[in-house]
Amino acid sequence: MAKVFVADSQYDADVKVFKVSLGYDADLCVHVADSQYDAEGKGEEWFYVDSQYDATVKVCWVDSQYDCDLKVFFVDNKYDAGWKGGNKWQQRLA
């Protein structure tokens, strides 16, 4: 599980993230957990935190897929979440 803090600037973030509209375009299919205690996994489940000090990763949303480190697609079912192939961020989010 990744505890995610959304930074205001890409310079304050660890990872620049772009949201894609189709799952097969994504590096990672993400499920957002309702509680940090319900979340599990290796970065495919995100729980948003309000403080950067509680976060395991700081992300910044970018407007272009060509400017991102990671492309994500959000899924409703946690069993559909997961990594699509190898990515350098795979072991760094959780």
PDB file of N, CA and C in Angstrom:
ATOM      1  N   MET A   1       0.831  -1.166   0.000  1.00  0.00           N
ATOM      2  CA  MET A   1       0.000   0.000   0.000  1.00  0.00           C
ATOM      3  C   MET A   1       0.881   1.236   0.000  1.00  0.00           C
ATOM      4  N   ALA A   2       0.470   2.205  -0.771  1.00  0.00           N
ATOM      5  CA  ALA A   2       1.174   3.477  -0.805  1.00  0.00           C
ATOM      6  C   ALA A   2       0.331   4.526  -0.095  1.00  0.00           C
ATOM      7  N   LYS A   3       0.946   5.227   0.835  1.00  0.00           N
ATOM      8  CA  LYS A   3       0.305   6.383   1.450  1.00  0.00           C
ATOM      9  C   LYS A   3       0.740   7.579   0.617  1.00  0.00           C
ATOM     10  N   VAL A   4      -0.212   8.173  -0.086  1.00  0.00           N
ATOM     11  CA  VAL A   4       0.085   9.164  -1.112  1.00  0.00           C
ATOM     12  C   VAL A   4      -0.261  10.569  -0.637  1.00  0.00           C
ATOM     13  N   PHE A   5       0.705  11.466  -0.805  1.00  0.00           N
ATOM     14  CA  PHE A   5       0.485  12.885  -0.569  1.00  0.00           C
ATOM     15  C   PHE A   5       0.596  13.575  -1.918  1.00  0.00           C
ATOM     16  N   VAL A   6      -0.375  14.422  -2.241  1.00  0.00           N
ATOM     17  CA  VAL A   6      -0.356  15.151  -3.509  1.00  0.00           C
ATOM     18  C   VAL A   6       0.320  16.497  -3.285  1.00  0.00           C
ATOM     19  N   ALA A   7       1.478  16.656  -3.912  1.00  0.00           N
ATOM     20  CA  ALA A   7       2.262  17.881  -3.795  1.00  0.00           C
ATOM     21  C   ALA A   7       1.746  18.940  -4.768  1.00  0.00           C
ATOM     22  N   ASP A   8       1.961  20.188  -4.435  1.00  0.00           N
ATOM     23  CA  ASP A   8       1.526  21.292  -5.286  1.00  0.00           C
ATOM     24  C   ASP A   8       2.423  21.481  -6.502  1.00  0.00           C
ATOM     25  N   SER A   9       3.663  21.102  -6.371  1.00  0.00           N
ATOM     26  CA  SER A   9       4.640  21.334  -7.422  1.00  0.00           C
ATOM     27  C   SER A   9       5.372  20.039  -7.756  1.00  0.00           C
ATOM     28  N   GLN A  10       5.745  19.883  -9.016  1.00  0.00           N
ATOM     29  CA  GLN A  10       6.494  18.694  -9.406  1.00  0.00           C
ATOM     30  C   GLN A  10       7.882  18.679  -8.764  1.00  0.00           C
ATOM     31  N   TYR A  11       8.364  19.841  -8.337  1.00  0.00           N
ATOM     32  CA  TYR A  11       9.668  19.922  -7.696  1.00  0.00           C
ATOM     33  C   TYR A  11       9.618  19.436  -6.248  1.00  0.00           C
ATOM     34  N   ASP A  12       8.420  19.396  -5.665  1.00  0.00           N
ATOM     35  CA  ASP A  12       8.240  18.891  -4.307  1.00  0.00           C
ATOM     36  C   ASP A  12       7.841  17.416  -4.307  1.00  0.00           C
ATOM     37  N   ALA A  13       7.619  16.837  -5.472  1.00  0.00           N
ATOM     38  CA  ALA A  13       7.120  15.465  -5.589  1.00  0.00           C
ATOM     39  C   ALA A  13       8.245  14.474  -5.854  1.00  0.00           C
ATOM     40  N   ASP A  14       7.988  13.234  -5.471  1.00  0.00           N
ATOM     41  CA  ASP A  14       8.898  12.137  -5.803  1.00  0.00           C
ATOM     42  C   ASP A  14       8.604  11.610  -7.203  1.00  0.00           C
ATOM     43  N   VAL A  15       7.311  11.606  -7.567  1.00  0.00           N
ATOM     44  CA  VAL A  15       6.860  11.006  -8.823  1.00  0.00           C
ATOM     45  C   VAL A  15       5.876  11.934  -9.517  1.00  0.00           C
ATOM     46  N   LYS A  16       6.087  12.145 -10.819  1.00  0.00           N
ATOM     47  CA  LYS A  16       5.134  12.898 -11.632  1.00  0.00           C
ATOM     48  C   LYS A  16       4.183  11.876 -12.255  1.00  0.00           C
ATOM     49  N   VAL A  17       2.877  12.062 -12.007  1.00  0.00           N
ATOM     50  CA  VAL A  17       1.871  11.071 -12.382  1.00  0.00           C
ATOM     51  C   VAL A  17       0.880  11.671 -13.384  1.00  0.00           C
ATOM     52  N   PHE A  18       0.511  10.848 -14.363  1.00  0.00           N
ATOM     53  CA  PHE A  18      -0.491  11.237 -15.353  1.00  0.00           C
ATOM     54  C   PHE A  18      -1.604  10.202 -15.328  1.00  0.00           C
ATOM     55  N   LYS A  19      -2.850  10.660 -15.297  1.00  0.00           N
ATOM     56  CA  LYS A  19      -4.012   9.766 -15.287  1.00  0.00           C
ATOM     57  C   LYS A  19      -4.441   9.493 -16.723  1.00  0.00           C
ATOM     58  N   VAL A  20      -4.439   8.219 -17.108  1.00  0.00           N
ATOM     59  CA  VAL A  20      -4.875   7.833 -18.450  1.00  0.00           C
ATOM     60  C   VAL A  20      -6.330   7.389 -18.399  1.00  0.00           C
ATOM     61  N   SER A  21      -6.983   7.400 -19.560  1.00  0.00           N
ATOM     62  CA  SER A  21      -8.404   7.060 -19.606  1.00  0.00           C
ATOM     63  C   SER A  21      -8.655   5.594 -19.947  1.00  0.00           C
ATOM     64  N   LEU A  22      -7.629   4.871 -20.347  1.00  0.00           N
ATOM     65  CA  LEU A  22      -7.761   3.451 -20.679  1.00  0.00           C
ATOM     66  C   LEU A  22      -6.735   2.631 -19.914  1.00  0.00           C
ATOM     67  N   GLY A  23      -7.183   1.520 -19.360  1.00  0.00           N
ATOM     68  CA  GLY A  23      -6.321   0.692 -18.538  1.00  0.00           C
ATOM     69  C   GLY A  23      -5.100   0.141 -19.243  1.00  0.00           C
ATOM     70  N   TYR A  24      -5.226  -0.171 -20.529  1.00  0.00           N
ATOM     71  CA  TYR A  24      -4.079  -0.767 -21.216  1.00  0.00           C
ATOM     72  C   TYR A  24      -2.987   0.255 -21.526  1.00  0.00           C
ATOM     73  N   ASP A  25      -3.264   1.553 -21.360  1.00  0.00           N
ATOM     74  CA  ASP A  25      -2.250   2.590 -21.531  1.00  0.00           C
ATOM     75  C   ASP A  25      -1.455   2.839 -20.248  1.00  0.00           C
ATOM     76  N   ALA A  26      -1.896   2.263 -19.140  1.00  0.00           N
ATOM     77  CA  ALA A  26      -1.320   2.562 -17.827  1.00  0.00           C
ATOM     78  C   ALA A  26      -0.107   1.695 -17.510  1.00  0.00           C
ATOM     79  N   ASP A  27       0.777   2.262 -16.684  1.00  0.00           N
ATOM     80  CA  ASP A  27       1.858   1.491 -16.075  1.00  0.00           C
ATOM     81  C   ASP A  27       1.339   0.789 -14.828  1.00  0.00           C
ATOM     82  N   LEU A  28       0.339   1.406 -14.207  1.00  0.00           N
ATOM     83  CA  LEU A  28      -0.197   0.921 -12.937  1.00  0.00           C
ATOM     84  C   LEU A  28      -1.698   1.158 -12.879  1.00  0.00           C
ATOM     85  N   CYS A  29      -2.457   0.111 -12.566  1.00  0.00           N
ATOM     86  CA  CYS A  29      -3.887   0.248 -12.276  1.00  0.00           C
ATOM     87  C   CYS A  29      -4.019   0.385 -10.768  1.00  0.00           C
ATOM     88  N   VAL A  30      -4.625   1.477 -10.323  1.00  0.00           N
ATOM     89  CA  VAL A  30      -4.667   1.851  -8.906  1.00  0.00           C
ATOM     90  C   VAL A  30      -6.071   1.706  -8.350  1.00  0.00           C
ATOM     91  N   HIS A  31      -6.143   1.149  -7.150  1.00  0.00           N
ATOM     92  CA  HIS A  31      -7.385   1.140  -6.380  1.00  0.00           C
ATOM     93  C   HIS A  31      -7.167   2.054  -5.182  1.00  0.00           C
ATOM     94  N   VAL A  32      -8.095   2.967  -4.950  1.00  0.00           N
ATOM     95  CA  VAL A  32      -8.008   3.874  -3.806  1.00  0.00           C
ATOM     96  C   VAL A  32      -8.731   3.245  -2.632  1.00  0.00           C
ATOM     97  N   ALA A  33      -7.999   3.050  -1.545  1.00  0.00           N
ATOM     98  CA  ALA A  33      -8.549   2.415  -0.348  1.00  0.00           C
ATOM     99  C   ALA A  33      -9.299   3.435   0.499  1.00  0.00           C
ATOM    100  N   ASP A  34     -10.353   2.979   1.158  1.00  0.00           N
ATOM    101  CA  ASP A  34     -11.137   3.829   2.043  1.00  0.00           C
ATOM    102  C   ASP A  34     -10.431   4.083   3.370  1.00  0.00           C
ATOM    103  N   SER A  35      -9.592   3.146   3.768  1.00  0.00           N
ATOM    104  CA  SER A  35      -8.887   3.233   5.037  1.00  0.00           C
ATOM    105  C   SER A  35      -7.468   2.721   4.843  1.00  0.00           C
ATOM    106  N   GLN A  36      -6.539   3.311   5.554  1.00  0.00           N
ATOM    107  CA  GLN A  36      -5.166   2.828   5.451  1.00  0.00           C
ATOM    108  C   GLN A  36      -5.026   1.420   6.021  1.00  0.00           C
ATOM    109  N   TYR A  37      -5.974   1.011   6.857  1.00  0.00           N
ATOM    110  CA  TYR A  37      -5.924  -0.319   7.450  1.00  0.00           C
ATOM    111  C   TYR A  37      -6.485  -1.385   6.501  1.00  0.00           C
ATOM    112  N   ASP A  38      -7.293  -0.960   5.522  1.00  0.00           N
ATOM    113  CA  ASP A  38      -7.834  -1.884   4.531  1.00  0.00           C
ATOM    114  C   ASP A  38      -6.884  -2.094   3.359  1.00  0.00           C
ATOM    115  N   ALA A  39      -5.953  -1.182   3.176  1.00  0.00           N
ATOM    116  CA  ALA A  39      -5.067  -1.222   2.009  1.00  0.00           C
ATOM    117  C   ALA A  39      -3.944  -2.226   2.219  1.00  0.00           C
ATOM    118  N   GLU A  40      -3.530  -2.797   1.100  1.00  0.00           N
ATOM    119  CA  GLU A  40      -2.423  -3.751   1.115  1.00  0.00           C
ATOM    120  C   GLU A  40      -1.741  -3.684  -0.241  1.00  0.00           C
ATOM    121  N   GLY A  41      -0.768  -4.521  -0.452  1.00  0.00           N
ATOM    122  CA  GLY A  41      -0.124  -4.594  -1.757  1.00  0.00           C
ATOM    123  C   GLY A  41       1.169  -3.820  -1.837  1.00  0.00           C
ATOM    124  N   LYS A  42       1.663  -3.721  -3.043  1.00  0.00           N
ATOM    125  CA  LYS A  42       2.960  -3.120  -3.312  1.00  0.00           C
ATOM    126  C   LYS A  42       2.825  -1.860  -4.160  1.00  0.00           C
ATOM    127  N   GLY A  43       1.992  -0.960  -3.745  1.00  0.00           N
ATOM    128  CA  GLY A  43       1.844   0.297  -4.443  1.00  0.00           C
ATOM    129  C   GLY A  43       0.635   0.385  -5.340  1.00  0.00           C
ATOM    130  N   GLU A  44      -0.050  -0.739  -5.553  1.00  0.00           N
ATOM    131  CA  GLU A  44      -1.230  -0.697  -6.410  1.00  0.00           C
ATOM    132  C   GLU A  44      -2.480  -0.222  -5.668  1.00  0.00           C
ATOM    133  N   GLU A  45      -2.414  -0.176  -4.350  1.00  0.00           N
ATOM    134  CA  GLU A  45      -3.497   0.411  -3.566  1.00  0.00           C
ATOM    135  C   GLU A  45      -2.975   1.686  -2.942  1.00  0.00           C
ATOM    136  N   TRP A  46      -3.720   2.762  -3.146  1.00  0.00           N
ATOM    137  CA  TRP A  46      -3.329   4.071  -2.621  1.00  0.00           C
ATOM    138  C   TRP A  46      -4.290   4.505  -1.536  1.00  0.00           C
ATOM    139  N   PHE A  47      -3.731   5.129  -0.525  1.00  0.00           N
ATOM    140  CA  PHE A  47      -4.509   5.808   0.502  1.00  0.00           C
ATOM    141  C   PHE A  47      -3.953   7.222   0.596  1.00  0.00           C
ATOM    142  N   TYR A  48      -4.809   8.224   0.369  1.00  0.00           N
ATOM    143  CA  TYR A  48      -4.362   9.608   0.380  1.00  0.00           C
ATOM    144  C   TYR A  48      -4.235  10.111   1.816  1.00  0.00           C
ATOM    145  N   VAL A  49      -3.117  10.757   2.106  1.00  0.00           N
ATOM    146  CA  VAL A  49      -2.873  11.336   3.427  1.00  0.00           C
ATOM    147  C   VAL A  49      -2.772  12.851   3.297  1.00  0.00           C
ATOM    148  N   ASP A  50      -3.026  13.549   4.401  1.00  0.00           N
ATOM    149  CA  ASP A  50      -3.040  15.010   4.403  1.00  0.00           C
ATOM    150  C   ASP A  50      -1.674  15.625   4.687  1.00  0.00           C
ATOM    151  N   SER A  51      -0.762  14.842   5.215  1.00  0.00           N
ATOM    152  CA  SER A  51       0.553  15.354   5.573  1.00  0.00           C
ATOM    153  C   SER A  51       1.637  14.620   4.788  1.00  0.00           C
ATOM    154  N   GLN A  52       2.585  15.370   4.275  1.00  0.00           N
ATOM    155  CA  GLN A  52       3.674  14.740   3.541  1.00  0.00           C
ATOM    156  C   GLN A  52       4.543  13.876   4.454  1.00  0.00           C
ATOM    157  N   TYR A  53       4.497  14.139   5.747  1.00  0.00           N
ATOM    158  CA  TYR A  53       5.303  13.375   6.698  1.00  0.00           C
ATOM    159  C   TYR A  53       4.700  11.994   6.981  1.00  0.00           C
ATOM    160  N   ASP A  54       3.408  11.821   6.693  1.00  0.00           N
ATOM    161  CA  ASP A  54       2.751  10.524   6.844  1.00  0.00           C
ATOM    162  C   ASP A  54       2.840   9.697   5.564  1.00  0.00           C
ATOM    163  N   ALA A  55       3.312  10.294   4.485  1.00  0.00           N
ATOM    164  CA  ALA A  55       3.293   9.657   3.164  1.00  0.00           C
ATOM    165  C   ALA A  55       4.490   8.734   2.942  1.00  0.00           C
ATOM    166  N   THR A  56       4.251   7.705   2.138  1.00  0.00           N
ATOM    167  CA  THR A  56       5.353   6.880   1.649  1.00  0.00           C
ATOM    168  C   THR A  56       5.836   7.400   0.307  1.00  0.00           C
ATOM    169  N   VAL A  57       5.006   8.207  -0.365  1.00  0.00           N
ATOM    170  CA  VAL A  57       5.380   8.806  -1.647  1.00  0.00           C
ATOM    171  C   VAL A  57       4.621  10.111  -1.851  1.00  0.00           C
ATOM    172  N   LYS A  58       5.308  11.087  -2.459  1.00  0.00           N
ATOM    173  CA  LYS A  58       4.694  12.367  -2.803  1.00  0.00           C
ATOM    174  C   LYS A  58       4.553  12.408  -4.317  1.00  0.00           C
ATOM    175  N   VAL A  59       3.321  12.621  -4.790  1.00  0.00           N
ATOM    176  CA  VAL A  59       3.072  12.671  -6.225  1.00  0.00           C
ATOM    177  C   VAL A  59       2.609  14.059  -6.638  1.00  0.00           C
ATOM    178  N   CYS A  60       2.797  14.344  -7.909  1.00  0.00           N
ATOM    179  CA  CYS A  60       2.283  15.563  -8.504  1.00  0.00           C
ATOM    180  C   CYS A  60       1.611  15.167  -9.806  1.00  0.00           C
ATOM    181  N   TRP A  61       0.385  15.622  -9.997  1.00  0.00           N
ATOM    182  CA  TRP A  61      -0.340  15.340 -11.230  1.00  0.00           C
ATOM    183  C   TRP A  61       0.174  16.261 -12.321  1.00  0.00           C
ATOM    184  N   VAL A  62       0.477  15.700 -13.482  1.00  0.00           N
ATOM    185  CA  VAL A  62       0.937  16.494 -14.620  1.00  0.00           C
ATOM    186  C   VAL A  62      -0.083  16.398 -15.745  1.00  0.00           C
ATOM    187  N   ASP A  63      -0.031  17.352 -16.665  1.00  0.00           N
ATOM    188  CA  ASP A  63      -1.024  17.454 -17.733  1.00  0.00           C
ATOM    189  C   ASP A  63      -0.663  16.688 -18.998  1.00  0.00           C
ATOM    190  N   SER A  64       0.542  16.168 -19.068  1.00  0.00           N
ATOM    191  CA  SER A  64       0.981  15.481 -20.276  1.00  0.00           C
ATOM    192  C   SER A  64       1.614  14.138 -19.932  1.00  0.00           C
ATOM    193  N   GLN A  65       1.258  13.114 -20.689  1.00  0.00           N
ATOM    194  CA  GLN A  65       1.864  11.804 -20.461  1.00  0.00           C
ATOM    195  C   GLN A  65       3.348  11.798 -20.819  1.00  0.00           C
ATOM    196  N   TYR A  66       3.765  12.771 -21.605  1.00  0.00           N
ATOM    197  CA  TYR A  66       5.170  12.856 -22.006  1.00  0.00           C
ATOM    198  C   TYR A  66       6.036  13.520 -20.940  1.00  0.00           C
ATOM    199  N   ASP A  67       5.393  14.079 -19.914  1.00  0.00           N
ATOM    200  CA  ASP A  67       6.102  14.732 -18.819  1.00  0.00           C
ATOM    201  C   ASP A  67       6.029  13.913 -17.526  1.00  0.00           C
ATOM    202  N   CYS A  68       5.483  12.714 -17.595  1.00  0.00           N
ATOM    203  CA  CYS A  68       5.252  11.942 -16.375  1.00  0.00           C
ATOM    204  C   CYS A  68       6.304  10.847 -16.176  1.00  0.00           C
ATOM    205  N   ASP A  69       6.386  10.407 -14.925  1.00  0.00           N
ATOM    206  CA  ASP A  69       7.188   9.240 -14.577  1.00  0.00           C
ATOM    207  C   ASP A  69       6.337   7.976 -14.586  1.00  0.00           C
ATOM    208  N   LEU A  70       5.044   8.152 -14.334  1.00  0.00           N
ATOM    209  CA  LEU A  70       4.144   7.021 -14.143  1.00  0.00           C
ATOM    210  C   LEU A  70       2.759   7.348 -14.686  1.00  0.00           C
ATOM    211  N   LYS A  71       2.206   6.432 -15.484  1.00  0.00           N
ATOM    212  CA  LYS A  71       0.837   6.580 -15.990  1.00  0.00           C
ATOM    213  C   LYS A  71      -0.058   5.644 -15.191  1.00  0.00           C
ATOM    214  N   VAL A  72      -1.156   6.199 -14.633  1.00  0.00           N
ATOM    215  CA  VAL A  72      -2.052   5.406 -13.796  1.00  0.00           C
ATOM    216  C   VAL A  72      -3.467   5.411 -14.356  1.00  0.00           C
ATOM    217  N   PHE A  73      -4.175   4.335 -14.043  1.00  0.00           N
ATOM    218  CA  PHE A  73      -5.590   4.185 -14.362  1.00  0.00           C
ATOM    219  C   PHE A  73      -6.265   3.727 -13.081  1.00  0.00           C
ATOM    220  N   PHE A  74      -7.372   4.378 -12.704  1.00  0.00           N
ATOM    221  CA  PHE A  74      -8.062   4.041 -11.465  1.00  0.00           C
ATOM    222  C   PHE A  74      -9.131   2.989 -11.710  1.00  0.00           C
ATOM    223  N   VAL A  75      -9.151   1.971 -10.849  1.00  0.00           N
ATOM    224  CA  VAL A  75     -10.121   0.882 -10.935  1.00  0.00           C
ATOM    225  C   VAL A  75     -10.974   0.868  -9.664  1.00  0.00           C
ATOM    226  N   ASP A  76     -12.183   0.325  -9.783  1.00  0.00           N
ATOM    227  CA  ASP A  76     -13.101   0.261  -8.643  1.00  0.00           C
ATOM    228  C   ASP A  76     -12.850  -0.970  -7.770  1.00  0.00           C
ATOM    229  N   ASN A  77     -12.380  -2.035  -8.364  1.00  0.00           N
ATOM    230  CA  ASN A  77     -12.185  -3.296  -7.653  1.00  0.00           C
ATOM    231  C   ASN A  77     -10.707  -3.478  -7.346  1.00  0.00           C
ATOM    232  N   LYS A  78     -10.376  -3.742  -6.083  1.00  0.00           N
ATOM    233  CA  LYS A  78      -8.966  -3.864  -5.715  1.00  0.00           C
ATOM    234  C   LYS A  78      -8.298  -5.065  -6.379  1.00  0.00           C
ATOM    235  N   TYR A  79      -9.074  -6.037  -6.815  1.00  0.00           N
ATOM    236  CA  TYR A  79      -8.497  -7.208  -7.476  1.00  0.00           C
ATOM    237  C   TYR A  79      -8.100  -6.919  -8.924  1.00  0.00           C
ATOM    238  N   ASP A  80      -8.551  -5.791  -9.464  1.00  0.00           N
ATOM    239  CA  ASP A  80      -8.152  -5.357 -10.804  1.00  0.00           C
ATOM    240  C   ASP A  80      -6.904  -4.473 -10.765  1.00  0.00           C
ATOM    241  N   ALA A  81      -6.473  -4.096  -9.578  1.00  0.00           N
ATOM    242  CA  ALA A  81      -5.310  -3.226  -9.435  1.00  0.00           C
ATOM    243  C   ALA A  81      -4.031  -4.035  -9.618  1.00  0.00           C
ATOM    244  N   GLY A  82      -3.025  -3.369 -10.173  1.00  0.00           N
ATOM    245  CA  GLY A  82      -1.734  -4.030 -10.313  1.00  0.00           C
ATOM    246  C   GLY A  82      -0.845  -3.341 -11.327  1.00  0.00           C
ATOM    247  N   TRP A  83       0.402  -3.749 -11.340  1.00  0.00           N
ATOM    248  CA  TRP A  83       1.398  -3.208 -12.248  1.00  0.00           C
ATOM    249  C   TRP A  83       1.286  -3.873 -13.603  1.00  0.00           C
ATOM    250  N   LYS A  84       1.544  -3.106 -14.638  1.00  0.00           N
ATOM    251  CA  LYS A  84       1.531  -3.602 -16.020  1.00  0.00           C
ATOM    252  C   LYS A  84       2.976  -3.643 -16.509  1.00  0.00           C
ATOM    253  N   GLY A  85       3.636  -4.764 -16.332  1.00  0.00           N
ATOM    254  CA  GLY A  85       5.038  -4.863 -16.747  1.00  0.00           C
ATOM    255  C   GLY A  85       5.964  -4.200 -15.750  1.00  0.00           C
ATOM    256  N   GLY A  86       7.221  -4.143 -16.088  1.00  0.00           N
ATOM    257  CA  GLY A  86       8.217  -3.564 -15.193  1.00  0.00           C
ATOM    258  C   GLY A  86       8.232  -2.051 -15.253  1.00  0.00           C
ATOM    259  N   ASN A  87       8.459  -1.443 -14.121  1.00  0.00           N
ATOM    260  CA  ASN A  87       8.564  -0.005 -14.025  1.00  0.00           C
ATOM    261  C   ASN A  87       9.499   0.305 -12.872  1.00  0.00           C
ATOM    262  N   LYS A  88      10.330   1.322 -13.044  1.00  0.00           N
ATOM    263  CA  LYS A  88      11.313   1.627 -12.002  1.00  0.00           C
ATOM    264  C   LYS A  88      10.676   2.063 -10.684  1.00  0.00           C
ATOM    265  N   TRP A  89       9.406   2.467 -10.717  1.00  0.00           N
ATOM    266  CA  TRP A  89       8.738   2.917  -9.494  1.00  0.00           C
ATOM    267  C   TRP A  89       8.035   1.774  -8.771  1.00  0.00           C
ATOM    268  N   GLN A  90       8.069   0.588  -9.339  1.00  0.00           N
ATOM    269  CA  GLN A  90       7.302  -0.531  -8.793  1.00  0.00           C
ATOM    270  C   GLN A  90       7.626  -0.836  -7.331  1.00  0.00           C
ATOM    271  N   GLN A  91       8.858  -0.783  -6.943  1.00  0.00           N
ATOM    272  CA  GLN A  91       9.233  -1.095  -5.572  1.00  0.00           C
ATOM    273  C   GLN A  91       9.375   0.149  -4.691  1.00  0.00           C
ATOM    274  N   ARG A  92       9.137   1.320  -5.246  1.00  0.00           N
ATOM    275  CA  ARG A  92       9.384   2.560  -4.531  1.00  0.00           C
ATOM    276  C   ARG A  92       8.139   3.231  -3.959  1.00  0.00           C
ATOM    277  N   LEU A  93       6.965   2.821  -4.353  1.00  0.00           N
ATOM    278  CA  LEU A  93       5.746   3.511  -3.902  1.00  0.00           C
ATOM    279  C   LEU A  93       5.281   3.054  -2.526  1.00  0.00           C
ATOM    280  N   ALA A  94       5.425   1.808  -2.230  1.00  0.00           N
ATOM    281  CA  ALA A  94       4.882   1.269  -0.971  1.00  0.00           C
ATOM    282  C   ALA A  94       5.793   1.533   0.199  1.00  0.00           C
TER     283      ALA A  94
END
